[in-house]
C-alpha cells in the first residue's frame, strides 16, 4: 500500500533510539524526508545519514530547543508536514517518591514539549490544508498504571490530542495519540529490567502480556506510519493502543 507521504517533511523528536528511531526509519521507508531530532549530535548525525534525512541536535525540553528543531528543519527540508511528538520524560516511581516537583517535571517533559512543538508547526499545516500530528503516549495514559507522575502526564497528552483534533478537524490536519504497551528494545528500560531480573520479567510476561511476549519497535512504528498516511484522513482524535491486548481499558 502506498501511504502517499513520499516527499512529505516529517520531524521526529527523540529519534535516535527505541521507538523514535523505528518511527524515523518507517517514515523514511515510505519516502518521507525525515528530520531526526535528539540531544546527542553524534547519534543524530549517524541516524540522519542512515535514513538519508537531516539531523538537528537540540534539547526540546527548552523553548529555544523546540524552536531550533523546527527552524532548522524548515530551512533545510521545507515546512513540516508530519510531526511525531515522541519525546517523553519520567519522574518518580511511586507515590513514595512523587510530589509537586516530580509532577511538574513529568508534565514539562511530556505535555509541554508536545504542545510547544505542535504549536510551532500547526499554523503552517492549517494554511497548507494538510498535516499529521502524532503524540506517542502510553498504555499507562489510557488507564491507571506505571509511575504516578508519568501516568498523569500521559493521560493529559491524550486529552490534548482529543481537544486539538476537534479544533483543527476541518483544516485537513489530523491529531492522534499512539499508546504503546511494554516494548522491548536493546538498551531500553524493559531490556535493562530483563537483564537484571529475568525470572521476574518472565513472570510479568505470563501475567500481563496476553501475547506471551513484549511488543517490538517495528510493530509500533508501522502503526504510526499508517496514522500519517493519506488513507488515515478520517482517523483523528484517537488514542490507539498498540499493546497486544496488554491494556484493560474498554475504550
Foldseek 3Di string as FASTA:
>chain_A
DQLPQALAEEEFEPQQDFLNVLLQQLQLVSRYAYEYEEADPVSQVVSCVVSVHHYDHFDLLDLVRLVRSQVVSCVPRNAHAEYEAEWFDAFAWEPVRDDPVRLVVRLSRAVVSLVSNCVVRVVVCLVVLAHEYEYEAALLLVDPDTYPSSSVNSVVVLVVQQVVQVVRLVRHYAGEYEHEYFEDDPPDDLNVVCVVCVVVVQVCLVVQAPVSDWHYSNQSSVVVSNCRGPVVSVDHSYYHYSYNPSHDDPD
